[in-house]
């Protein structure tokens, strides 16, 4: 009996999802946007499209958080948010990458879902 659960997503899709999530650490929303635009009209790529949308929504949320932190910096408290935003982005992107590489659907716990 095999104790491991095989994912419905092919390994290639899982690797692309891993790269999509981890790219948010360096490239923000660019890679998730490209992956989503390339695959959004392909029904056989629905899993990778869903993961790209999750990553894109999270990166948009991160951009909004940076904007708020910069605005709040003018009243001397926003700079405290800089490390929180950076570490949060790093941790959640890594968690999402690991989960998607296993073939799991990952939902970011803190994300504004603008792209649906």
C-alpha atoms as a PDB file:
ATOM      1  CA  UNK A   1       0.000   0.000   0.000  1.00  0.00           C
ATOM      2  CA  UNK A   2       1.317   3.428  -0.985  1.00  0.00           C
ATOM      3  CA  UNK A   3       1.117   5.984   1.851  1.00  0.00           C
ATOM      4  CA  UNK A   4       1.867   8.942  -0.401  1.00  0.00           C
ATOM      5  CA  UNK A   5      -1.008  10.751  -2.055  1.00  0.00           C
ATOM      6  CA  UNK A   6      -0.396  11.531  -5.696  1.00  0.00           C
ATOM      7  CA  UNK A   7      -1.441  14.994  -6.803  1.00  0.00           C
ATOM      8  CA  UNK A   8      -3.753  15.496  -9.749  1.00  0.00           C
ATOM      9  CA  UNK A   9      -1.437  18.262 -10.984  1.00  0.00           C
ATOM     10  CA  UNK A  10       1.442  17.104 -13.181  1.00  0.00           C
ATOM     11  CA  UNK A  11       4.995  17.693 -11.937  1.00  0.00           C
ATOM     12  CA  UNK A  12       5.577  20.363 -14.595  1.00  0.00           C
ATOM     13  CA  UNK A  13       2.578  22.376 -13.335  1.00  0.00           C
ATOM     14  CA  UNK A  14       3.703  21.950  -9.734  1.00  0.00           C
ATOM     15  CA  UNK A  15       7.178  23.250 -10.620  1.00  0.00           C
ATOM     16  CA  UNK A  16       5.715  26.253 -12.446  1.00  0.00           C
ATOM     17  CA  UNK A  17       3.491  26.982  -9.436  1.00  0.00           C
ATOM     18  CA  UNK A  18       6.540  26.757  -7.158  1.00  0.00           C
ATOM     19  CA  UNK A  19       8.408  29.274  -9.320  1.00  0.00           C
ATOM     20  CA  UNK A  20       5.316  31.489  -9.542  1.00  0.00           C
ATOM     21  CA  UNK A  21       4.957  31.716  -5.769  1.00  0.00           C
ATOM     22  CA  UNK A  22       8.678  32.100  -5.005  1.00  0.00           C
ATOM     23  CA  UNK A  23       9.139  34.756  -7.690  1.00  0.00           C
ATOM     24  CA  UNK A  24       7.028  37.103  -5.586  1.00  0.00           C
ATOM     25  CA  UNK A  25       9.988  37.501  -3.237  1.00  0.00           C
ATOM     26  CA  UNK A  26      12.084  39.152  -5.946  1.00  0.00           C
ATOM     27  CA  UNK A  27       9.865  40.067  -8.911  1.00  0.00           C
ATOM     28  CA  UNK A  28       6.615  40.968  -7.118  1.00  0.00           C
ATOM     29  CA  UNK A  29       3.563  40.497  -9.351  1.00  0.00           C
ATOM     30  CA  UNK A  30       5.341  40.170 -12.733  1.00  0.00           C
ATOM     31  CA  UNK A  31       5.789  36.370 -12.945  1.00  0.00           C
ATOM     32  CA  UNK A  32       2.354  35.477 -11.488  1.00  0.00           C
ATOM     33  CA  UNK A  33       0.748  37.894 -13.966  1.00  0.00           C
ATOM     34  CA  UNK A  34       2.594  36.332 -16.916  1.00  0.00           C
ATOM     35  CA  UNK A  35       1.763  32.764 -15.830  1.00  0.00           C
ATOM     36  CA  UNK A  36      -1.888  33.678 -15.309  1.00  0.00           C
ATOM     37  CA  UNK A  37      -2.179  35.445 -18.684  1.00  0.00           C
ATOM     38  CA  UNK A  38      -0.530  32.547 -20.528  1.00  0.00           C
ATOM     39  CA  UNK A  39      -2.709  29.837 -18.942  1.00  0.00           C
ATOM     40  CA  UNK A  40      -6.050  31.516 -18.153  1.00  0.00           C
ATOM     41  CA  UNK A  41      -7.785  30.271 -21.325  1.00  0.00           C
ATOM     42  CA  UNK A  42      -6.521  26.689 -21.075  1.00  0.00           C
ATOM     43  CA  UNK A  43      -8.994  24.476 -19.205  1.00  0.00           C
ATOM     44  CA  UNK A  44      -6.372  21.751 -18.698  1.00  0.00           C
ATOM     45  CA  UNK A  45      -4.241  24.281 -16.798  1.00  0.00           C
ATOM     46  CA  UNK A  46      -6.943  25.301 -14.316  1.00  0.00           C
ATOM     47  CA  UNK A  47      -4.838  24.327 -11.295  1.00  0.00           C
ATOM     48  CA  UNK A  48      -1.824  26.395 -12.346  1.00  0.00           C
ATOM     49  CA  UNK A  49      -4.157  29.273 -13.264  1.00  0.00           C
ATOM     50  CA  UNK A  50      -5.649  29.166  -9.767  1.00  0.00           C
ATOM     51  CA  UNK A  51      -2.217  29.196  -8.146  1.00  0.00           C
ATOM     52  CA  UNK A  52      -1.081  32.076 -10.360  1.00  0.00           C
ATOM     53  CA  UNK A  53      -4.201  34.057  -9.387  1.00  0.00           C
ATOM     54  CA  UNK A  54      -3.500  33.399  -5.703  1.00  0.00           C
ATOM     55  CA  UNK A  55       0.095  34.582  -6.077  1.00  0.00           C
ATOM     56  CA  UNK A  56      -1.002  37.611  -8.108  1.00  0.00           C
ATOM     57  CA  UNK A  57      -3.633  38.624  -5.559  1.00  0.00           C
ATOM     58  CA  UNK A  58      -1.136  38.256  -2.724  1.00  0.00           C
ATOM     59  CA  UNK A  59       1.483  40.349  -4.499  1.00  0.00           C
ATOM     60  CA  UNK A  60      -1.100  43.068  -5.189  1.00  0.00           C
ATOM     61  CA  UNK A  61      -1.914  42.991  -1.464  1.00  0.00           C
ATOM     62  CA  UNK A  62       1.804  43.341  -0.665  1.00  0.00           C
ATOM     63  CA  UNK A  63       2.093  46.338  -3.012  1.00  0.00           C
ATOM     64  CA  UNK A  64      -0.873  47.971  -1.265  1.00  0.00           C
ATOM     65  CA  UNK A  65       0.736  47.259   2.117  1.00  0.00           C
ATOM     66  CA  UNK A  66       3.974  48.924   0.958  1.00  0.00           C
ATOM     67  CA  UNK A  67       1.988  51.938  -0.217  1.00  0.00           C
ATOM     68  CA  UNK A  68       0.247  52.236   3.158  1.00  0.00           C
ATOM     69  CA  UNK A  69       3.573  51.848   4.989  1.00  0.00           C
ATOM     70  CA  UNK A  70       5.191  54.562   2.873  1.00  0.00           C
ATOM     71  CA  UNK A  71       2.284  56.942   3.482  1.00  0.00           C
ATOM     72  CA  UNK A  72       2.399  56.182   7.209  1.00  0.00           C
ATOM     73  CA  UNK A  73       6.149  56.877   7.203  1.00  0.00           C
ATOM     74  CA  UNK A  74       5.335  60.557   6.925  1.00  0.00           C
ATOM     75  CA  UNK A  75       3.798  60.385  10.396  1.00  0.00           C
ATOM     76  CA  UNK A  76       6.757  58.398  11.730  1.00  0.00           C
ATOM     77  CA  UNK A  77       5.208  54.958  12.271  1.00  0.00           C
ATOM     78  CA  UNK A  78       5.197  53.432   8.789  1.00  0.00           C
ATOM     79  CA  UNK A  79       8.851  52.489   8.877  1.00  0.00           C
ATOM     80  CA  UNK A  80       7.955  49.927  11.558  1.00  0.00           C
ATOM     81  CA  UNK A  81       5.861  48.096   8.970  1.00  0.00           C
ATOM     82  CA  UNK A  82       8.722  47.666   6.471  1.00  0.00           C
ATOM     83  CA  UNK A  83      10.307  44.580   8.087  1.00  0.00           C
ATOM     84  CA  UNK A  84       6.877  43.088   8.855  1.00  0.00           C
ATOM     85  CA  UNK A  85       5.814  43.355   5.211  1.00  0.00           C
ATOM     86  CA  UNK A  86       9.127  42.026   3.921  1.00  0.00           C
ATOM     87  CA  UNK A  87       9.246  39.056   6.306  1.00  0.00           C
ATOM     88  CA  UNK A  88       5.547  38.293   5.758  1.00  0.00           C
ATOM     89  CA  UNK A  89       6.053  38.238   1.989  1.00  0.00           C
ATOM     90  CA  UNK A  90       9.101  36.002   2.340  1.00  0.00           C
ATOM     91  CA  UNK A  91       7.444  33.508   4.703  1.00  0.00           C
ATOM     92  CA  UNK A  92       4.120  33.258   2.873  1.00  0.00           C
ATOM     93  CA  UNK A  93       5.788  32.920  -0.552  1.00  0.00           C
ATOM     94  CA  UNK A  94       7.957  30.073   0.740  1.00  0.00           C
ATOM     95  CA  UNK A  95       4.974  28.324   2.370  1.00  0.00           C
ATOM     96  CA  UNK A  96       2.976  28.685  -0.847  1.00  0.00           C
ATOM     97  CA  UNK A  97       5.857  27.388  -2.960  1.00  0.00           C
ATOM     98  CA  UNK A  98       6.342  24.307  -0.795  1.00  0.00           C
ATOM     99  CA  UNK A  99       2.607  23.534  -0.730  1.00  0.00           C
ATOM    100  CA  UNK A 100       2.174  23.996  -4.470  1.00  0.00           C
ATOM    101  CA  UNK A 101       5.198  21.824  -5.197  1.00  0.00           C
ATOM    102  CA  UNK A 102       3.382  19.057  -3.309  1.00  0.00           C
ATOM    103  CA  UNK A 103       0.354  19.672  -5.531  1.00  0.00           C
ATOM    104  CA  UNK A 104      -1.739  21.271  -2.784  1.00  0.00           C
ATOM    105  CA  UNK A 105      -4.023  24.240  -3.382  1.00  0.00           C
ATOM    106  CA  UNK A 106      -2.534  27.066  -1.350  1.00  0.00           C
ATOM    107  CA  UNK A 107      -4.600  30.060  -0.211  1.00  0.00           C
ATOM    108  CA  UNK A 108      -2.714  32.971   1.291  1.00  0.00           C
ATOM    109  CA  UNK A 109      -4.230  33.794   4.690  1.00  0.00           C
ATOM    110  CA  UNK A 110      -3.790  37.542   4.186  1.00  0.00           C
ATOM    111  CA  UNK A 111      -4.794  38.499   0.665  1.00  0.00           C
ATOM    112  CA  UNK A 112      -7.241  40.799  -1.067  1.00  0.00           C
ATOM    113  CA  UNK A 113      -8.795  38.755  -3.843  1.00  0.00           C
ATOM    114  CA  UNK A 114      -9.077  41.250  -6.686  1.00  0.00           C
ATOM    115  CA  UNK A 115      -8.519  38.742  -9.485  1.00  0.00           C
ATOM    116  CA  UNK A 116     -11.149  36.027  -9.395  1.00  0.00           C
END
